[in-house]
Amino acid sequence: MAVRGRGTRARTADAAPATDRRHDGRRWYAGDLRAYGDAVRRRLHERELGAAPVLLALAVTWMVFQGLNDNFLSPRNLSVLSVDIVGTGMIAVGIVFVLLIGEIDLSVGSLAGLAGALFAALNVNLGMPEWLAVIIAVLCGTAAGTVHGYSFAKIGVPAFVVTLAGLLAWNGLMLYLLGPDSSINFSEDGLVAMLTSRYYSAAVVTYGLAALGTAAYLLVSYHDRRRRRAAGMPCRSVGEIWARTALLALVAFTVVYVLGRFEGLPLALLLFLGVIVASDLFLRRTPYGRQVLALGGGVEAARRSGVDVVRVRVAVFMVSGTLAAVGGLFVASRLTAASQVPGSGMLLINAIAAAIIGGTSLFGGRGSTWSALLGVLIIQSIASGMALLGVESAVQFMITGGVLFTAVVFDSLTRRAAESRGRV
């Protein structure tokens, strides 16, 4: 039997406004808004801002370059930008896996160049079918990553040293395969060339994909909410799920509309987004992914909790090597030629910078594969804007270096704040 007391507790229980009652969480109430606002303020105070600083930096970058040149946000330039980010972005996704365990892979640029050179040598020089040459090139990246991972995890060679040796060795093998001409051109109508030259312009396909992606996100979010509630864990309210879905739909349909005004939706961008989504789900929803994150939080603690440290480390470098090879094929596709450009060092620098700028921590245990997309968008946007303005590449390097330095400083401050709260 309820008793109407004179204290605050009783008054709150009996006289709470109707807008604060939840009714099984099926509506968006003022209490939800206040709770969400409190969570945002807490994250601001604790410097746990997620992707917000990166998105703000991207928005500022786009506004600055658009103000300096009206063609920056044109459908044509954005379409070119959406394809240019894919090669570096694929490699950056693999770098994210390595950074999550607190290590680094310096061989990815050379592996990307080697994959392109191996494909071209097998297909053009030896007449091997393209599909088979692609498989061998990708498996070559996987094998190289396995060598790096085994040397690091089992033998004990520092990851920095073994991947630096890989950088030199694979770069030398790439130059050997390319021969005296330093490049091998391949068919502009073949399978690899199609990776970056194929576009989908039919509205039923492009808008259908946008609607399908939005609907999939909504269903996955509801499933995750039901699973968390059944386990008694905190979960997002229905209102927040719908708000996030609406925002995703706005972004997806806007991208489709803008790109549709030029040539359509690039196949390369679709494949890149597919890899990001698949790898993100893999990291967040599989035992292996949770072991990767646990390993980044501390090797000894992960070992005591039952994580096979050697197996996880080897697997991470295998993923990095595989995606480096895939990214190298996209870079070669963009040029319709295998060349020594990927092994020059800039591809490696841009891939690592993209992962860090996008929000993946250098100290391990924090980040997601979406960091690769956000980071490479910022880097490639700077390159695109500078090209439109006719600015020399030296200035681009300085600006990119400044952005990277800012991201690393922010990462260090975030880690220090976490340590002060006893979370690291």
Protein backbone atom coordinates (compact mmCIF):
# COMPACT_ATOMS: atom_id res chain seq x y z
CA MET A 1 0.00 0.00 0.00
CA ALA A 2 1.40 3.36 -1.02
CA VAL A 3 1.90 5.92 1.74
CA ARG A 4 1.93 9.62 0.94
CA GLY A 5 4.79 10.93 3.03
CA ARG A 6 5.90 14.48 3.49
CA GLY A 7 9.50 13.86 2.31
CA THR A 8 11.00 14.45 -1.04
CA ARG A 9 11.07 10.75 -1.87
CA ALA A 10 7.32 10.34 -1.49
CA ARG A 11 6.53 13.49 -3.39
CA THR A 12 8.76 12.41 -6.24
CA ALA A 13 7.14 9.00 -6.44
CA ASP A 14 3.54 10.25 -6.44
CA ALA A 15 3.74 13.63 -8.08
CA ALA A 16 6.34 13.15 -10.79
CA PRO A 17 5.33 14.83 -14.05
CA ALA A 18 3.79 12.54 -16.62
CA THR A 19 6.52 13.45 -19.08
CA ASP A 20 9.12 11.81 -16.82
CA ARG A 21 7.43 8.40 -16.68
CA ARG A 22 8.78 5.85 -19.12
CA HIS A 23 6.01 3.29 -19.82
CA ASP A 24 8.47 0.53 -20.70
CA GLY A 25 10.72 2.88 -22.68
CA ARG A 26 8.44 3.13 -25.72
CA ARG A 27 8.36 6.90 -26.01
CA TRP A 28 10.84 9.77 -25.94
CA TYR A 29 10.19 11.65 -22.72
CA ALA A 30 11.69 14.72 -21.10
CA GLY A 31 13.51 12.42 -18.67
CA ASP A 32 15.26 10.79 -21.61
CA LEU A 33 16.31 14.20 -22.90
CA ARG A 34 17.70 15.23 -19.53
CA ALA A 35 19.54 11.91 -19.13
CA TYR A 36 21.01 12.24 -22.60
CA GLY A 37 22.09 15.81 -21.86
CA ASP A 38 23.70 14.71 -18.58
CA ALA A 39 25.59 11.97 -20.44
CA VAL A 40 26.88 14.49 -23.00
CA ARG A 41 28.03 16.88 -20.27
CA ARG A 42 29.77 14.04 -18.43
CA ARG A 43 31.59 12.96 -21.56
CA LEU A 44 32.67 16.56 -22.19
CA HIS A 45 34.01 16.80 -18.66
CA GLU A 46 35.86 13.48 -18.94
CA ARG A 47 37.13 14.18 -22.49
CA GLU A 48 35.30 11.11 -23.84
CA LEU A 49 33.92 12.82 -26.93
CA GLY A 50 34.02 9.92 -29.36
CA ALA A 51 33.93 10.97 -33.01
CA ALA A 52 32.61 14.49 -32.31
CA PRO A 53 36.00 16.31 -32.59
CA VAL A 54 36.82 14.47 -35.83
CA LEU A 55 33.44 15.31 -37.37
CA LEU A 56 33.87 18.95 -36.30
CA ALA A 57 37.35 19.05 -37.86
CA LEU A 58 35.97 17.55 -41.09
CA ALA A 59 33.14 20.09 -41.21
CA VAL A 60 35.54 22.99 -40.64
CA THR A 61 37.88 21.65 -43.34
CA TRP A 62 35.07 21.44 -45.86
CA MET A 63 33.72 24.89 -45.00
CA VAL A 64 37.16 26.51 -45.29
CA PHE A 65 37.94 24.96 -48.68
CA GLN A 66 34.43 25.64 -49.97
CA GLY A 67 34.84 29.28 -48.98
CA LEU A 68 38.14 29.44 -50.85
CA ASN A 69 36.92 27.54 -53.92
CA ASP A 70 33.28 26.97 -54.89
CA ASN A 71 34.15 23.73 -56.69
CA PHE A 72 35.27 21.89 -53.57
CA LEU A 73 31.80 20.61 -52.62
CA SER A 74 30.72 20.13 -56.23
CA PRO A 75 29.33 16.69 -57.14
CA ARG A 76 32.32 16.07 -59.41
CA ASN A 77 34.96 16.80 -56.76
CA LEU A 78 33.11 14.86 -54.05
CA SER A 79 32.78 11.91 -56.41
CA VAL A 80 36.52 11.94 -57.09
CA LEU A 81 37.15 12.29 -53.35
CA SER A 82 34.92 9.30 -52.56
CA VAL A 83 37.04 7.07 -54.79
CA ASP A 84 40.43 8.51 -53.84
CA ILE A 85 39.93 7.67 -50.16
CA VAL A 86 39.36 3.96 -50.74
CA GLY A 87 42.91 2.68 -51.30
CA THR A 88 44.39 4.49 -48.30
CA GLY A 89 41.25 3.82 -46.28
CA MET A 90 41.46 0.06 -46.76
CA ILE A 91 45.02 0.08 -45.47
CA ALA A 92 44.01 2.33 -42.56
CA VAL A 93 41.35 -0.20 -41.48
CA GLY A 94 44.11 -2.80 -41.09
CA ILE A 95 46.22 -0.28 -39.18
CA VAL A 96 43.30 0.21 -36.76
CA PHE A 97 43.46 -3.48 -35.84
CA VAL A 98 47.18 -3.20 -35.06
CA LEU A 99 46.80 0.04 -33.10
CA LEU A 100 44.05 -1.51 -30.99
CA ILE A 101 46.60 -3.89 -29.46
CA GLY A 102 49.02 -1.01 -28.94
CA GLU A 103 51.44 -1.89 -31.77
CA ILE A 104 52.37 -0.48 -35.18
CA ASP A 105 52.83 -1.93 -38.68
CA LEU A 106 55.32 -0.04 -40.86
CA SER A 107 55.19 -2.51 -43.74
CA VAL A 108 51.71 -1.75 -45.09
CA GLY A 109 52.83 0.72 -47.77
CA SER A 110 55.38 -1.69 -49.20
CA LEU A 111 52.88 -4.56 -49.00
CA ALA A 112 50.34 -2.48 -50.91
CA GLY A 113 52.88 -1.79 -53.64
CA LEU A 114 53.95 -5.44 -53.70
CA ALA A 115 50.35 -6.61 -54.14
CA GLY A 116 49.86 -4.32 -57.13
CA ALA A 117 53.19 -5.32 -58.67
CA LEU A 118 52.55 -9.04 -58.12
CA PHE A 119 49.10 -8.80 -59.70
CA ALA A 120 50.43 -6.93 -62.75
CA ALA A 121 53.41 -9.26 -63.17
CA LEU A 122 51.23 -12.37 -63.02
CA ASN A 123 48.47 -10.99 -65.23
CA VAL A 124 50.40 -8.97 -67.82
CA ASN A 125 53.80 -10.66 -67.96
CA LEU A 126 52.70 -14.27 -67.38
CA GLY A 127 49.16 -14.14 -68.80
CA MET A 128 47.46 -15.40 -65.64
CA PRO A 129 43.68 -14.73 -65.36
CA GLU A 130 42.92 -11.58 -63.41
CA TRP A 131 40.79 -13.25 -60.75
CA LEU A 132 43.54 -15.74 -59.92
CA ALA A 133 46.22 -13.02 -59.88
CA VAL A 134 44.06 -10.99 -57.48
CA ILE A 135 43.67 -13.93 -55.10
CA ILE A 136 47.41 -14.63 -55.12
CA ALA A 137 48.22 -10.94 -54.52
CA VAL A 138 45.85 -10.77 -51.53
CA LEU A 139 47.14 -14.06 -50.10
CA CYS A 140 50.67 -12.69 -50.44
CA GLY A 141 49.67 -9.85 -48.10
CA THR A 142 48.14 -12.36 -45.70
CA ALA A 143 51.30 -14.47 -45.70
CA ALA A 144 53.53 -11.45 -45.10
CA GLY A 145 51.31 -10.35 -42.21
CA THR A 146 51.54 -13.85 -40.76
CA VAL A 147 55.34 -13.70 -40.87
CA HIS A 148 55.30 -10.33 -39.10
CA GLY A 149 52.82 -11.48 -36.48
CA TYR A 150 54.61 -14.76 -35.75
CA SER A 151 57.99 -13.04 -35.48
CA PHE A 152 56.53 -10.53 -33.05
CA ALA A 153 54.21 -12.74 -30.99
CA LYS A 154 56.14 -16.02 -30.87
CA ILE A 155 59.80 -15.13 -31.35
CA GLY A 156 59.64 -11.81 -29.51
CA VAL A 157 60.99 -9.44 -32.18
CA PRO A 158 59.54 -5.95 -31.54
CA ALA A 159 56.75 -5.12 -33.98
CA PHE A 160 58.46 -1.87 -34.95
CA VAL A 161 61.64 -3.74 -35.98
CA VAL A 162 60.02 -6.66 -37.81
CA THR A 163 57.66 -4.44 -39.81
CA LEU A 164 60.48 -2.01 -40.58
CA ALA A 165 62.42 -4.97 -42.00
CA GLY A 166 59.28 -5.90 -43.93
CA LEU A 167 59.04 -2.36 -45.30
CA LEU A 168 62.52 -2.69 -46.79
CA ALA A 169 62.21 -6.30 -47.96
CA TRP A 170 58.78 -6.04 -49.58
CA ASN A 171 59.70 -2.73 -51.20
CA GLY A 172 62.75 -4.38 -52.74
CA LEU A 173 60.67 -7.30 -54.02
CA MET A 174 58.16 -4.85 -55.50
CA LEU A 175 60.93 -3.04 -57.40
CA TYR A 176 62.27 -6.38 -58.63
CA LEU A 177 58.86 -7.40 -60.00
CA LEU A 178 58.30 -4.04 -61.68
CA GLY A 179 61.58 -4.33 -63.56
CA PRO A 180 63.63 -1.55 -65.14
CA ASP A 181 60.55 0.43 -66.27
CA SER A 182 59.36 0.76 -62.62
CA SER A 183 55.74 0.29 -63.71
CA ILE A 184 53.46 -2.21 -65.44
CA ASN A 185 50.28 -1.06 -67.16
CA PHE A 186 47.29 -3.39 -67.25
CA SER A 187 43.91 -3.45 -68.99
CA GLU A 188 41.57 -0.51 -68.35
CA ASP A 189 38.59 -2.81 -68.89
CA GLY A 190 39.62 -5.61 -66.58
CA LEU A 191 38.52 -6.73 -63.14
CA VAL A 192 40.96 -4.61 -61.11
CA ALA A 193 40.43 -1.48 -63.19
CA MET A 194 36.68 -1.88 -62.68
CA LEU A 195 37.12 -1.52 -58.90
CA THR A 196 37.47 2.25 -59.21
CA SER A 197 35.85 2.89 -62.60
CA ARG A 198 32.45 1.27 -62.03
CA TYR A 199 29.52 3.50 -60.96
CA TYR A 200 25.85 2.80 -60.26
CA SER A 201 23.56 5.54 -61.50
CA ALA A 202 20.10 3.91 -61.50
CA ALA A 203 17.98 5.58 -58.81
CA VAL A 204 16.33 2.31 -57.84
CA VAL A 205 19.77 0.89 -57.03
CA THR A 206 21.36 3.88 -55.30
CA TYR A 207 18.39 4.97 -53.21
CA GLY A 208 17.50 1.35 -52.60
CA LEU A 209 20.95 0.74 -51.10
CA ALA A 210 20.59 3.83 -48.91
CA ALA A 211 17.18 2.64 -47.67
CA LEU A 212 18.47 -0.90 -47.13
CA GLY A 213 21.43 0.33 -45.10
CA THR A 214 19.22 2.54 -42.95
CA ALA A 215 16.72 -0.25 -42.34
CA ALA A 216 19.52 -2.68 -41.44
CA TYR A 217 20.88 -0.20 -38.88
CA LEU A 218 17.42 0.20 -37.34
CA LEU A 219 16.86 -3.56 -37.06
CA VAL A 220 20.32 -4.17 -35.58
CA SER A 221 19.81 -1.35 -33.06
CA TYR A 222 16.45 -2.78 -31.93
CA HIS A 223 17.94 -6.26 -31.66
CA ASP A 224 20.83 -4.93 -29.59
CA ARG A 225 18.40 -3.05 -27.34
CA ARG A 226 16.28 -6.16 -26.70
CA ARG A 227 19.37 -8.23 -25.99
CA ARG A 228 20.75 -5.70 -23.53
CA ARG A 229 17.43 -5.27 -21.72
CA ALA A 230 17.06 -9.02 -21.39
CA ALA A 231 20.52 -9.14 -19.80
CA GLY A 232 19.75 -6.21 -17.50
CA MET A 233 22.36 -3.98 -19.16
CA PRO A 234 22.06 -0.26 -20.02
CA CYS A 235 20.59 0.30 -23.46
CA ARG A 236 19.56 3.11 -25.76
CA SER A 237 16.01 4.36 -25.59
CA VAL A 238 13.67 3.92 -28.54
CA GLY A 239 13.74 7.66 -29.16
CA GLU A 240 17.50 7.76 -29.39
CA ILE A 241 17.49 4.82 -31.81
CA TRP A 242 15.01 6.58 -34.07
CA ALA A 243 16.98 9.84 -33.86
CA ARG A 244 20.20 8.08 -34.88
CA THR A 245 18.38 6.26 -37.68
CA ALA A 246 16.96 9.53 -38.99
CA LEU A 247 20.42 11.11 -38.97
CA LEU A 248 21.88 8.11 -40.80
CA ALA A 249 19.09 8.27 -43.38
CA LEU A 250 19.75 11.97 -43.91
CA VAL A 251 23.44 11.38 -44.50
CA ALA A 252 22.91 8.32 -46.72
CA PHE A 253 20.30 9.89 -48.98
CA THR A 254 22.26 13.15 -49.21
CA VAL A 255 25.38 11.26 -50.31
CA VAL A 256 23.39 9.31 -52.90
CA TYR A 257 21.77 12.50 -54.21
CA VAL A 258 25.03 14.45 -54.49
CA LEU A 259 27.03 11.64 -56.09
CA GLY A 260 24.11 10.87 -58.39
CA ARG A 261 24.44 14.33 -59.91
CA PHE A 262 27.82 13.32 -61.38
CA GLU A 263 28.36 9.67 -62.37
CA GLY A 264 26.55 7.86 -59.60
CA LEU A 265 27.50 5.76 -56.60
CA PRO A 266 31.06 4.36 -56.95
CA LEU A 267 31.58 0.64 -56.51
CA ALA A 268 34.83 1.39 -54.67
CA LEU A 269 33.01 3.41 -52.00
CA LEU A 270 30.42 0.66 -51.51
CA LEU A 271 33.14 -1.97 -51.04
CA PHE A 272 34.99 0.29 -48.61
CA LEU A 273 31.88 0.88 -46.51
CA GLY A 274 31.16 -2.84 -46.58
CA VAL A 275 34.63 -3.63 -45.21
CA ILE A 276 34.24 -0.99 -42.48
CA VAL A 277 30.83 -2.27 -41.37
CA ALA A 278 31.92 -5.91 -41.43
CA SER A 279 35.13 -5.26 -39.51
CA ASP A 280 33.33 -3.05 -36.98
CA LEU A 281 30.76 -5.77 -36.28
CA PHE A 282 33.59 -8.28 -36.12
CA LEU A 283 35.41 -6.26 -33.47
CA ARG A 284 32.37 -5.41 -31.36
CA ARG A 285 30.26 -8.56 -31.58
CA THR A 286 32.61 -11.54 -31.79
CA PRO A 287 34.79 -13.16 -29.13
CA TYR A 288 37.87 -12.47 -31.25
CA GLY A 289 37.06 -8.76 -31.46
CA ARG A 290 36.60 -8.51 -27.72
CA GLN A 291 39.92 -10.27 -27.23
CA VAL A 292 41.63 -7.70 -29.46
CA LEU A 293 40.23 -4.86 -27.37
CA ALA A 294 41.10 -6.68 -24.15
CA LEU A 295 44.67 -7.16 -25.34
CA GLY A 296 44.94 -3.46 -26.02
CA GLY A 297 43.86 -2.76 -22.46
CA GLY A 298 46.76 -4.76 -21.01
CA VAL A 299 48.65 -7.87 -22.06
CA GLU A 300 48.97 -9.47 -18.64
CA ALA A 301 45.35 -8.82 -17.70
CA ALA A 302 44.21 -10.26 -21.05
CA ARG A 303 46.37 -13.36 -20.55
CA ARG A 304 44.96 -13.96 -17.08
CA SER A 305 41.43 -13.67 -18.43
CA GLY A 306 42.08 -16.52 -20.86
CA VAL A 307 43.06 -14.66 -24.05
CA ASP A 308 45.49 -16.52 -26.30
CA VAL A 309 47.84 -13.57 -26.74
CA VAL A 310 50.02 -15.18 -29.42
CA ARG A 311 47.07 -16.20 -31.58
CA VAL A 312 45.38 -12.79 -31.36
CA ARG A 313 48.58 -10.92 -32.17
CA VAL A 314 49.34 -13.10 -35.21
CA ALA A 315 45.74 -12.75 -36.43
CA VAL A 316 45.86 -8.95 -36.11
CA PHE A 317 48.95 -8.68 -38.30
CA MET A 318 47.36 -11.11 -40.77
CA VAL A 319 44.37 -8.75 -41.05
CA SER A 320 46.70 -5.78 -41.49
CA GLY A 321 48.68 -7.50 -44.25
CA THR A 322 45.54 -8.68 -46.05
CA LEU A 323 43.92 -5.24 -46.06
CA ALA A 324 47.20 -3.65 -47.12
CA ALA A 325 47.20 -5.90 -50.18
CA VAL A 326 43.55 -5.09 -50.91
CA GLY A 327 44.28 -1.38 -50.56
CA GLY A 328 47.24 -1.75 -52.91
CA LEU A 329 44.98 -3.24 -55.58
CA PHE A 330 42.65 -0.25 -55.26
CA VAL A 331 45.59 2.15 -55.58
CA ALA A 332 46.77 0.28 -58.69
CA SER A 333 43.20 0.31 -60.03
CA ARG A 334 43.06 4.08 -59.71
CA LEU A 335 46.23 4.38 -61.80
CA THR A 336 45.45 1.36 -64.05
CA ALA A 337 49.09 0.49 -63.47
CA ALA A 338 51.34 -1.04 -60.85
CA SER A 339 54.10 1.38 -59.90
CA GLN A 340 56.53 2.14 -57.10
CA VAL A 341 54.37 5.03 -55.83
CA PRO A 342 52.71 3.01 -53.00
CA GLY A 343 56.12 2.01 -51.64
CA SER A 344 57.43 5.58 -51.59
CA GLY A 345 56.35 6.11 -47.97
CA MET A 346 53.49 8.59 -48.35
CA LEU A 347 50.87 5.83 -48.51
CA LEU A 348 52.17 4.41 -45.22
CA ILE A 349 52.21 7.83 -43.56
CA ASN A 350 48.71 8.69 -44.77
CA ALA A 351 47.27 5.34 -43.65
CA ILE A 352 48.70 5.57 -40.14
CA ALA A 353 47.74 9.24 -39.89
CA ALA A 354 44.19 8.44 -41.01
CA ALA A 355 43.72 5.84 -38.28
CA ILE A 356 45.09 8.15 -35.57
CA ILE A 357 43.35 11.31 -36.76
CA GLY A 358 40.10 9.36 -36.97
CA GLY A 359 40.24 8.62 -33.25
CA THR A 360 42.08 5.31 -32.76
CA SER A 361 44.41 5.52 -29.76
CA LEU A 362 48.14 4.99 -30.14
CA PHE A 363 48.12 3.39 -26.69
CA GLY A 364 45.73 0.59 -27.68
CA GLY A 365 42.31 -0.52 -26.52
CA ARG A 366 40.32 2.42 -27.92
CA GLY A 367 39.04 3.08 -31.43
CA SER A 368 36.96 1.57 -34.22
CA THR A 369 37.25 0.90 -37.92
CA TRP A 370 35.09 3.96 -38.58
CA SER A 371 38.18 5.93 -37.50
CA ALA A 372 39.75 4.95 -40.81
CA LEU A 373 36.88 6.50 -42.78
CA LEU A 374 36.84 9.76 -40.82
CA GLY A 375 40.62 10.14 -40.79
CA VAL A 376 41.15 9.42 -44.47
CA LEU A 377 38.32 11.84 -45.32
CA ILE A 378 40.17 14.62 -43.51
CA ILE A 379 43.53 13.81 -45.10
CA GLN A 380 42.16 13.43 -48.62
CA SER A 381 39.99 16.54 -48.22
CA ILE A 382 43.11 18.55 -47.41
CA ALA A 383 44.87 17.10 -50.46
CA SER A 384 41.87 17.79 -52.70
CA GLY A 385 41.41 21.33 -51.42
CA MET A 386 45.10 22.11 -51.86
CA ALA A 387 45.01 20.75 -55.40
CA LEU A 388 42.04 22.96 -56.29
CA LEU A 389 43.81 26.00 -54.84
CA GLY A 390 47.06 25.17 -56.64
CA VAL A 391 49.04 25.03 -53.39
CA GLU A 392 52.33 23.14 -53.47
CA SER A 393 52.54 19.75 -51.79
CA ALA A 394 54.98 21.03 -49.15
CA VAL A 395 52.19 23.07 -47.56
CA GLN A 396 49.91 20.05 -47.65
CA PHE A 397 52.49 18.01 -45.74
CA MET A 398 52.79 20.72 -43.10
CA ILE A 399 49.04 20.96 -42.62
CA THR A 400 48.59 17.19 -42.47
CA GLY A 401 51.45 16.98 -39.97
CA GLY A 402 49.81 19.66 -37.83
CA VAL A 403 46.49 17.81 -37.86
CA LEU A 404 48.23 14.56 -36.92
CA PHE A 405 50.13 16.26 -34.08
CA THR A 406 46.88 17.72 -32.75
CA ALA A 407 45.22 14.28 -32.85
CA VAL A 408 48.12 12.67 -30.96
CA VAL A 409 48.11 15.42 -28.31
CA PHE A 410 44.35 14.99 -27.86
CA ASP A 411 44.81 11.23 -27.57
CA SER A 412 47.49 11.70 -24.89
CA LEU A 413 45.31 14.12 -22.92
CA THR A 414 42.38 11.71 -23.11
CA ARG A 415 44.53 8.87 -21.81
CA ARG A 416 45.90 11.04 -19.00
CA ALA A 417 42.35 12.00 -17.99
CA ALA A 418 41.38 8.32 -18.00
CA GLU A 419 44.40 7.43 -15.84
CA SER A 420 43.46 10.13 -13.34
CA ARG A 421 40.04 8.50 -12.98
CA GLY A 422 41.62 5.05 -12.59
CA ARG A 423 40.23 3.69 -15.87
CA VAL A 424 43.57 2.67 -17.36
